[in-house]
Amino acid sequence: MKESDDLEKILDSLEGIEKAEPKPFFKGRVLNKLENFSSEVAPNLRFKIKIAFVCSVIIVFLNSYLVFDISESNSDSTEPISEFAEDYNLSLNTVYFQDQEL
């Protein structure tokens, strides 16, 4: 019997249910807030996009400068290595024979 009493209480509580209604002009107020929010964010977003673009351009130019600078310095740095190789008679054409005595 207790289960049927609980079921009756639950069903009785459903009798007072009404359709929910928003306050008047709810849609207009929400749309107005969305428009104000987007107008406040848009200039800030444009500024951030400009800053990101300028930073990326600076990084690209800096990287290209460093790559070309390193490649030029590498061409100059091979000269001391070649002098060292000549001093110690080291070259790609050098063949070492283990069977021959010096």
N, C-alpha and C. Protein backbone atom coordinates (compact mmCIF):
# COMPACT_ATOMS: atom_id res chain seq x y z
N MET A 1 0.80 -1.19 0.00
CA MET A 1 0.00 0.00 0.00
C MET A 1 0.85 1.27 0.00
N LYS A 2 2.00 1.15 0.62
CA LYS A 2 2.87 2.31 0.70
C LYS A 2 3.33 2.74 -0.70
N GLU A 3 3.60 1.78 -1.54
CA GLU A 3 4.04 2.09 -2.91
C GLU A 3 2.94 2.80 -3.68
N SER A 4 1.70 2.40 -3.50
CA SER A 4 0.60 3.05 -4.21
C SER A 4 0.38 4.46 -3.66
N ASP A 5 0.59 4.67 -2.37
CA ASP A 5 0.47 6.02 -1.80
C ASP A 5 1.56 6.94 -2.37
N ASP A 6 2.78 6.40 -2.47
CA ASP A 6 3.87 7.19 -3.05
C ASP A 6 3.58 7.52 -4.51
N LEU A 7 3.04 6.56 -5.23
CA LEU A 7 2.71 6.78 -6.63
C LEU A 7 1.60 7.84 -6.76
N GLU A 8 0.64 7.82 -5.88
CA GLU A 8 -0.44 8.81 -5.90
C GLU A 8 0.09 10.21 -5.61
N LYS A 9 1.04 10.31 -4.68
CA LYS A 9 1.63 11.62 -4.36
C LYS A 9 2.38 12.18 -5.57
N ILE A 10 3.09 11.29 -6.24
CA ILE A 10 3.85 11.73 -7.42
C ILE A 10 2.89 12.18 -8.51
N LEU A 11 1.87 11.42 -8.78
CA LEU A 11 0.92 11.79 -9.81
C LEU A 11 0.15 13.06 -9.45
N ASP A 12 -0.16 13.26 -8.18
CA ASP A 12 -0.86 14.48 -7.75
C ASP A 12 0.04 15.71 -7.92
N SER A 13 1.35 15.52 -7.74
CA SER A 13 2.26 16.66 -7.88
C SER A 13 2.35 17.12 -9.34
N LEU A 14 2.02 16.24 -10.29
CA LEU A 14 2.09 16.60 -11.70
C LEU A 14 0.90 17.43 -12.15
N GLU A 15 -0.17 17.50 -11.36
CA GLU A 15 -1.37 18.22 -11.76
C GLU A 15 -1.15 19.73 -11.82
N GLY A 16 -0.27 20.26 -11.03
CA GLY A 16 -0.08 21.71 -10.98
C GLY A 16 0.95 22.23 -11.98
N ILE A 17 1.43 21.38 -12.87
CA ILE A 17 2.47 21.79 -13.82
C ILE A 17 1.86 22.70 -14.88
N GLU A 18 2.55 23.82 -15.15
CA GLU A 18 2.14 24.74 -16.20
C GLU A 18 3.31 24.95 -17.16
N LYS A 19 3.00 25.42 -18.34
CA LYS A 19 4.02 25.68 -19.33
C LYS A 19 4.85 26.89 -18.89
N ALA A 20 6.16 26.77 -18.99
CA ALA A 20 7.04 27.87 -18.61
C ALA A 20 7.00 28.95 -19.68
N GLU A 21 6.90 30.19 -19.24
CA GLU A 21 6.85 31.34 -20.13
C GLU A 21 7.98 32.29 -19.77
N PRO A 22 8.75 32.74 -20.75
CA PRO A 22 9.79 33.73 -20.44
C PRO A 22 9.18 35.10 -20.23
N LYS A 23 9.96 35.99 -19.64
CA LYS A 23 9.49 37.36 -19.45
C LYS A 23 9.30 38.01 -20.82
N PRO A 24 8.48 39.03 -20.88
CA PRO A 24 8.27 39.70 -22.17
C PRO A 24 9.58 40.28 -22.73
N PHE A 25 9.71 40.24 -24.05
CA PHE A 25 10.86 40.75 -24.78
C PHE A 25 12.18 40.05 -24.41
N PHE A 26 12.08 38.81 -24.00
CA PHE A 26 13.28 38.05 -23.61
C PHE A 26 14.23 37.88 -24.81
N LYS A 27 13.67 37.50 -25.94
CA LYS A 27 14.49 37.29 -27.14
C LYS A 27 15.20 38.57 -27.56
N GLY A 28 14.49 39.69 -27.52
CA GLY A 28 15.08 40.97 -27.89
C GLY A 28 16.22 41.37 -26.96
N ARG A 29 16.04 41.12 -25.66
CA ARG A 29 17.10 41.46 -24.71
C ARG A 29 18.34 40.60 -24.92
N VAL A 30 18.13 39.31 -25.19
CA VAL A 30 19.28 38.41 -25.42
C VAL A 30 20.01 38.81 -26.70
N LEU A 31 19.28 39.08 -27.76
CA LEU A 31 19.92 39.49 -29.02
C LEU A 31 20.66 40.81 -28.86
N ASN A 32 20.11 41.74 -28.09
CA ASN A 32 20.77 43.01 -27.84
C ASN A 32 22.08 42.81 -27.08
N LYS A 33 22.07 41.95 -26.09
CA LYS A 33 23.30 41.67 -25.33
C LYS A 33 24.35 41.01 -26.22
N LEU A 34 23.93 40.11 -27.10
CA LEU A 34 24.87 39.46 -28.01
C LEU A 34 25.50 40.47 -28.97
N GLU A 35 24.70 41.41 -29.47
CA GLU A 35 25.24 42.42 -30.38
C GLU A 35 26.24 43.33 -29.66
N ASN A 36 25.91 43.71 -28.44
CA ASN A 36 26.83 44.56 -27.67
C ASN A 36 28.13 43.81 -27.36
N PHE A 37 28.02 42.56 -27.04
CA PHE A 37 29.21 41.76 -26.72
C PHE A 37 30.10 41.62 -27.94
N SER A 38 29.52 41.35 -29.11
CA SER A 38 30.33 41.17 -30.31
C SER A 38 30.97 42.49 -30.74
N SER A 39 30.32 43.62 -30.53
CA SER A 39 30.92 44.90 -30.89
C SER A 39 32.06 45.26 -29.95
N GLU A 40 32.02 44.81 -28.70
CA GLU A 40 33.11 45.07 -27.77
C GLU A 40 34.30 44.17 -28.05
N VAL A 41 34.06 42.95 -28.49
CA VAL A 41 35.13 41.99 -28.71
C VAL A 41 35.80 42.19 -30.05
N ALA A 42 35.09 42.63 -31.06
CA ALA A 42 35.63 42.73 -32.41
C ALA A 42 36.88 43.61 -32.50
N PRO A 43 36.91 44.82 -31.96
CA PRO A 43 38.15 45.61 -32.07
C PRO A 43 39.32 44.95 -31.34
N ASN A 44 39.05 44.35 -30.21
CA ASN A 44 40.10 43.67 -29.46
C ASN A 44 40.65 42.49 -30.25
N LEU A 45 39.77 41.76 -30.91
CA LEU A 45 40.19 40.62 -31.72
C LEU A 45 40.99 41.07 -32.93
N ARG A 46 40.57 42.14 -33.57
CA ARG A 46 41.31 42.67 -34.72
C ARG A 46 42.72 43.10 -34.31
N PHE A 47 42.83 43.73 -33.16
CA PHE A 47 44.14 44.15 -32.66
C PHE A 47 45.05 42.95 -32.41
N LYS A 48 44.50 41.89 -31.82
CA LYS A 48 45.29 40.69 -31.55
C LYS A 48 45.73 40.02 -32.85
N ILE A 49 44.88 40.02 -33.86
CA ILE A 49 45.25 39.43 -35.14
C ILE A 49 46.38 40.23 -35.79
N LYS A 50 46.31 41.56 -35.69
CA LYS A 50 47.37 42.39 -36.25
C LYS A 50 48.69 42.14 -35.54
N ILE A 51 48.65 42.06 -34.23
CA ILE A 51 49.87 41.79 -33.45
C ILE A 51 50.45 40.43 -33.82
N ALA A 52 49.61 39.43 -33.95
CA ALA A 52 50.08 38.08 -34.30
C ALA A 52 50.71 38.08 -35.69
N PHE A 53 50.13 38.81 -36.63
CA PHE A 53 50.68 38.88 -37.99
C PHE A 53 52.04 39.57 -37.99
N VAL A 54 52.16 40.67 -37.28
CA VAL A 54 53.43 41.40 -37.22
C VAL A 54 54.51 40.53 -36.57
N CYS A 55 54.15 39.84 -35.50
CA CYS A 55 55.13 38.96 -34.83
C CYS A 55 55.57 37.84 -35.75
N SER A 56 54.65 37.26 -36.49
CA SER A 56 55.02 36.17 -37.39
C SER A 56 55.91 36.67 -38.53
N VAL A 57 55.66 37.87 -39.04
CA VAL A 57 56.52 38.44 -40.09
C VAL A 57 57.91 38.69 -39.54
N ILE A 58 58.01 39.22 -38.33
CA ILE A 58 59.32 39.46 -37.72
C ILE A 58 60.07 38.16 -37.53
N ILE A 59 59.39 37.13 -37.09
CA ILE A 59 60.04 35.83 -36.88
C ILE A 59 60.53 35.25 -38.20
N VAL A 60 59.73 35.37 -39.26
CA VAL A 60 60.15 34.85 -40.56
C VAL A 60 61.40 35.58 -41.06
N PHE A 61 61.41 36.91 -40.96
CA PHE A 61 62.59 37.67 -41.41
C PHE A 61 63.81 37.36 -40.56
N LEU A 62 63.62 37.23 -39.27
CA LEU A 62 64.75 36.91 -38.38
C LEU A 62 65.31 35.52 -38.71
N ASN A 63 64.44 34.56 -38.93
CA ASN A 63 64.90 33.21 -39.28
C ASN A 63 65.63 33.20 -40.62
N SER A 64 65.10 33.91 -41.60
CA SER A 64 65.77 33.92 -42.90
C SER A 64 67.13 34.61 -42.81
N TYR A 65 67.23 35.69 -42.04
CA TYR A 65 68.51 36.35 -41.85
C TYR A 65 69.52 35.41 -41.19
N LEU A 66 69.08 34.71 -40.14
CA LEU A 66 69.99 33.81 -39.45
C LEU A 66 70.42 32.64 -40.33
N VAL A 67 69.54 32.12 -41.14
CA VAL A 67 69.89 31.02 -42.02
C VAL A 67 70.94 31.46 -43.03
N PHE A 68 70.74 32.63 -43.64
CA PHE A 68 71.72 33.11 -44.62
C PHE A 68 73.03 33.51 -43.96
N ASP A 69 72.97 34.06 -42.77
CA ASP A 69 74.18 34.45 -42.06
C ASP A 69 75.00 33.22 -41.67
N ILE A 70 74.32 32.16 -41.23
CA ILE A 70 75.01 30.93 -40.85
C ILE A 70 75.61 30.26 -42.08
N SER A 71 74.89 30.28 -43.19
CA SER A 71 75.42 29.64 -44.40
C SER A 71 76.66 30.39 -44.91
N GLU A 72 76.67 31.70 -44.79
CA GLU A 72 77.85 32.47 -45.19
C GLU A 72 79.02 32.22 -44.25
N SER A 73 78.75 32.12 -42.98
CA SER A 73 79.83 31.89 -42.02
C SER A 73 80.38 30.47 -42.15
N ASN A 74 79.58 29.53 -42.58
CA ASN A 74 80.07 28.16 -42.77
C ASN A 74 81.03 28.08 -43.95
N SER A 75 80.81 28.88 -44.97
CA SER A 75 81.72 28.86 -46.12
C SER A 75 83.08 29.41 -45.71
N ASP A 76 83.13 30.38 -44.81
CA ASP A 76 84.39 30.92 -44.33
C ASP A 76 85.07 29.99 -43.34
N SER A 77 84.32 29.20 -42.62
CA SER A 77 84.89 28.36 -41.57
C SER A 77 85.55 27.10 -42.13
N THR A 78 85.34 26.77 -43.39
CA THR A 78 85.97 25.58 -43.96
C THR A 78 87.44 25.82 -44.27
N GLU A 79 87.85 27.06 -44.39
CA GLU A 79 89.25 27.36 -44.71
C GLU A 79 90.21 26.91 -43.60
N PRO A 80 89.98 27.19 -42.33
CA PRO A 80 90.89 26.69 -41.30
C PRO A 80 90.92 25.16 -41.23
N ILE A 81 89.81 24.54 -41.51
CA ILE A 81 89.77 23.08 -41.48
C ILE A 81 90.61 22.52 -42.62
N SER A 82 90.54 23.11 -43.79
CA SER A 82 91.34 22.62 -44.91
C SER A 82 92.83 22.86 -44.65
N GLU A 83 93.17 23.97 -44.01
CA GLU A 83 94.58 24.21 -43.67
C GLU A 83 95.07 23.17 -42.67
N PHE A 84 94.26 22.85 -41.70
CA PHE A 84 94.62 21.82 -40.72
C PHE A 84 94.82 20.47 -41.40
N ALA A 85 93.92 20.14 -42.34
CA ALA A 85 94.03 18.86 -43.05
C ALA A 85 95.30 18.82 -43.89
N GLU A 86 95.67 19.93 -44.51
CA GLU A 86 96.89 19.96 -45.30
C GLU A 86 98.13 19.84 -44.42
N ASP A 87 98.13 20.47 -43.25
CA ASP A 87 99.27 20.41 -42.34
C ASP A 87 99.54 18.98 -41.87
N TYR A 88 98.50 18.22 -41.62
CA TYR A 88 98.66 16.86 -41.13
C TYR A 88 98.49 15.82 -42.24
N ASN A 89 98.52 16.29 -43.46
CA ASN A 89 98.44 15.42 -44.62
C ASN A 89 97.17 14.54 -44.59
N LEU A 90 96.07 15.18 -44.28
CA LEU A 90 94.78 14.49 -44.25
C LEU A 90 93.96 14.95 -45.44
N SER A 91 93.44 14.01 -46.18
CA SER A 91 92.56 14.34 -47.28
C SER A 91 91.73 13.12 -47.62
N LEU A 92 90.78 13.31 -48.47
CA LEU A 92 89.95 12.18 -48.88
C LEU A 92 90.72 11.20 -49.75
N ASN A 93 91.76 11.67 -50.39
CA ASN A 93 92.55 10.82 -51.28
C ASN A 93 93.59 10.00 -50.53
N THR A 94 93.77 10.24 -49.26
CA THR A 94 94.75 9.51 -48.47
C THR A 94 94.28 8.08 -48.26
N VAL A 95 95.16 7.13 -48.56
CA VAL A 95 94.84 5.72 -48.38
C VAL A 95 95.82 5.16 -47.36
N TYR A 96 95.31 4.44 -46.42
CA TYR A 96 96.16 3.86 -45.38
C TYR A 96 96.32 2.37 -45.66
N PHE A 97 97.54 1.96 -45.73
CA PHE A 97 97.84 0.55 -45.92
C PHE A 97 98.42 0.01 -44.63
N GLN A 98 97.80 -1.00 -44.10
CA GLN A 98 98.27 -1.56 -42.84
C GLN A 98 99.40 -2.57 -43.08
N ASP A 99 99.49 -3.12 -44.27
CA ASP A 99 100.48 -4.14 -44.54
C ASP A 99 101.87 -3.53 -44.76
N GLN A 100 101.95 -2.31 -45.17
CA GLN A 100 103.24 -1.70 -45.45
C GLN A 100 103.84 -1.11 -44.19
N GLU A 101 105.13 -1.23 -44.10
CA GLU A 101 105.83 -0.63 -42.99
C GLU A 101 106.34 0.74 -43.40
N LEU A 102 106.38 1.62 -42.47
CA LEU A 102 106.84 2.97 -42.76
C LEU A 102 108.31 3.08 -42.76
